[in-house]
Each structure stands twice: as structure tokens, then as C-alpha cells.
Amino acid sequence: MDKSVKEQPKAEVYKVATASSDGIVINQHFGRADIFYIYEITETGKHRLLETRTVTPVCNGGNHSDKELRENINKFKDCKYILVSRIGMWAANAMEQSGIVPMELPGMIEESIGKLITYEQIQHLF
């Protein structure tokens, strides 16, 4: 291979989990959500729905199970971000320790993903 030709870096593709009751709006608290819509996002900002994932809600009337939280987080290990309407500090910290960035971005999934893409683009400027 000719060393004078620089290889182009691969475009980053990452996954985002969204907590939604209907697949249209991010309207679920992380601890109460039972279904997440998983999107793939490319560096160019194109995104598409890949799948849905079901989890057991970890928030039960103010009581939380650390074991169930860890099990749920493990289901999102391949996601870079998780978008929710709300998330408690306990769950957010556990998620960050697992390398997943939780964000409270309630609203239309399309708009929230757009905000996330803008955030990503700004991060790459620095």
C-alpha cells in the first residue's frame, strides 16, 4: 500500500436508545420505561430505526433494584446515548460508569435526535 496516500477515517456510526411509549415522542422516565427504540446515527446525521428493546422497569414506587438497573444498562452497552424524559442521578451515574451518556431530551424523537446530532457536531469542533 502506498504510504503517501492517507486513509480516510471511518465515518462514526453510533446507536441511540430512546424511551418512548409510542415510538413518536420521548416521554418516558428511564426507570419506568419498558420499551426503547434504538436508532443508528451516521456522522452525516442520517438516522434510522433499527429495532425496539424491552426491559423490566426498575422504578417501583420509589424502590429501586441495583441488580435490575445493571441488567437494563447491559442491554444498552452498544448505545452511545440514551434519550429519556427524566432520569434519576443514581441511574444516570450508573449509566455513565458503563460508558453510556444519558440525556434528558423529552419531545418528538426526530427533534430530540436532531438536537443530539447538533451536540455531537459541536463536540467534534473542539
Protein backbone atom coordinates (compact mmCIF):
# COMPACT_ATOMS: atom_id res chain seq x y z
CA MET A 1 0.00 0.00 0.00
CA ASP A 2 1.25 3.46 -0.88
CA LYS A 3 2.13 5.22 2.39
CA SER A 4 1.76 8.64 0.77
CA VAL A 5 -1.99 8.15 0.46
CA LYS A 6 -3.70 8.90 3.76
CA GLU A 7 -6.50 6.63 4.74
CA GLN A 8 -9.78 8.38 5.30
CA PRO A 9 -11.08 7.92 8.83
CA LYS A 10 -14.18 5.76 9.01
CA ALA A 11 -17.38 7.67 9.46
CA GLU A 12 -18.58 7.21 13.01
CA VAL A 13 -21.81 5.30 13.32
CA TYR A 14 -23.39 5.02 16.74
CA LYS A 15 -26.62 3.88 18.34
CA VAL A 16 -29.05 5.85 20.45
CA ALA A 17 -31.78 4.41 22.67
CA THR A 18 -34.95 6.48 23.09
CA ALA A 19 -37.51 5.93 25.87
CA SER A 20 -40.92 6.22 24.26
CA SER A 21 -44.37 4.79 24.87
CA ASP A 22 -45.39 5.21 21.23
CA GLY A 23 -42.26 5.43 19.04
CA ILE A 24 -43.01 9.07 18.26
CA VAL A 25 -42.29 11.04 21.43
CA ILE A 26 -39.57 10.68 24.07
CA ASN A 27 -41.93 10.68 27.03
CA GLN A 28 -40.69 8.03 29.45
CA HIS A 29 -38.70 8.23 32.67
CA PHE A 30 -35.78 5.79 32.38
CA GLY A 31 -36.75 3.85 35.49
CA ARG A 32 -40.37 3.44 34.39
CA ALA A 33 -39.83 2.73 30.70
CA ASP A 34 -40.32 -0.78 29.39
CA ILE A 35 -39.63 -0.22 25.69
CA PHE A 36 -36.82 1.64 23.95
CA TYR A 37 -36.48 2.46 20.26
CA ILE A 38 -32.92 2.03 19.01
CA TYR A 39 -31.67 4.32 16.25
CA GLU A 40 -28.48 4.23 14.23
CA ILE A 41 -26.93 7.62 13.50
CA THR A 42 -24.18 8.27 10.98
CA GLU A 43 -21.59 11.05 11.01
CA THR A 44 -23.59 12.82 8.30
CA GLY A 45 -26.61 12.96 10.60
CA LYS A 46 -28.67 10.36 8.81
CA HIS A 47 -30.58 8.14 11.19
CA ARG A 48 -32.84 5.16 11.02
CA LEU A 49 -34.79 3.00 13.41
CA LEU A 50 -33.05 -0.34 13.90
CA GLU A 51 -35.14 -2.13 16.50
CA THR A 52 -37.05 -1.96 19.74
CA ARG A 53 -35.81 -3.40 23.04
CA THR A 54 -37.91 -4.36 26.02
CA VAL A 55 -36.67 -4.03 29.59
CA THR A 56 -38.16 -4.52 33.03
CA PRO A 57 -38.82 -1.12 34.65
CA VAL A 58 -36.50 -0.64 37.64
CA CYS A 59 -38.51 2.03 39.46
CA ASN A 60 -41.23 0.51 41.60
CA GLY A 61 -42.96 3.11 43.75
CA GLY A 62 -39.70 4.76 44.76
CA ASN A 63 -37.91 1.45 45.35
CA HIS A 64 -35.05 0.56 43.02
CA SER A 65 -33.19 -2.64 42.35
CA ASP A 66 -29.46 -2.23 41.67
CA LYS A 67 -29.38 -5.69 40.07
CA GLU A 68 -32.22 -4.88 37.66
CA LEU A 69 -30.67 -1.49 36.86
CA ARG A 70 -27.37 -3.17 35.91
CA GLU A 71 -29.25 -5.75 33.81
CA ASN A 72 -31.08 -2.99 31.94
CA ILE A 73 -27.93 -0.94 31.40
CA ASN A 74 -26.22 -4.03 29.95
CA LYS A 75 -28.96 -4.17 27.31
CA PHE A 76 -27.75 -0.77 26.05
CA LYS A 77 -23.97 -1.40 26.09
CA ASP A 78 -23.87 -0.94 22.30
CA CYS A 79 -25.52 2.52 22.55
CA LYS A 80 -23.54 5.72 22.90
CA TYR A 81 -26.51 7.74 24.21
CA ILE A 82 -29.85 7.11 25.84
CA LEU A 83 -32.53 9.80 25.49
CA VAL A 84 -35.25 9.97 28.13
CA SER A 85 -37.76 12.45 29.50
CA ARG A 86 -36.26 12.07 33.01
CA ILE A 87 -33.58 10.03 34.74
CA GLY A 88 -32.54 9.93 38.38
CA MET A 89 -28.98 10.69 39.45
CA TRP A 90 -28.44 7.11 40.66
CA ALA A 91 -29.33 5.62 37.27
CA ALA A 92 -27.53 8.38 35.34
CA ASN A 93 -24.30 7.79 37.29
CA ALA A 94 -24.51 4.02 36.78
CA MET A 95 -25.09 4.55 33.07
CA GLU A 96 -22.14 6.93 32.72
CA GLN A 97 -19.90 4.42 34.52
CA SER A 98 -20.89 1.93 31.82
CA GLY A 99 -19.90 4.35 29.05
CA ILE A 100 -23.41 5.42 28.04
CA VAL A 101 -24.34 9.11 28.08
CA PRO A 102 -27.86 9.71 29.42
CA MET A 103 -29.66 12.84 28.23
CA GLU A 104 -32.99 14.31 29.22
CA LEU A 105 -34.40 15.38 25.85
CA PRO A 106 -38.18 15.00 26.00
CA GLY A 107 -40.17 15.78 22.87
CA MET A 108 -40.57 14.40 19.39
CA ILE A 109 -37.98 11.69 18.72
CA GLU A 110 -36.98 13.29 15.41
CA GLU A 111 -36.40 16.68 17.06
CA SER A 112 -34.52 15.21 20.02
CA ILE A 113 -32.25 13.21 17.72
CA GLY A 114 -31.67 16.42 15.75
CA LYS A 115 -30.56 18.16 18.95
CA LEU A 116 -28.26 15.24 19.76
CA ILE A 117 -26.69 15.37 16.28
CA THR A 118 -26.06 19.10 16.69
CA TYR A 119 -24.48 18.42 20.09
CA GLU A 120 -22.23 15.74 18.55
CA GLN A 121 -21.16 18.08 15.74
CA ILE A 122 -20.25 20.80 18.24
CA GLN A 123 -18.25 18.31 20.32
CA HIS A 124 -16.19 17.38 17.26
CA LEU A 125 -15.24 21.02 16.71
CA PHE A 126 -13.17 21.03 19.89
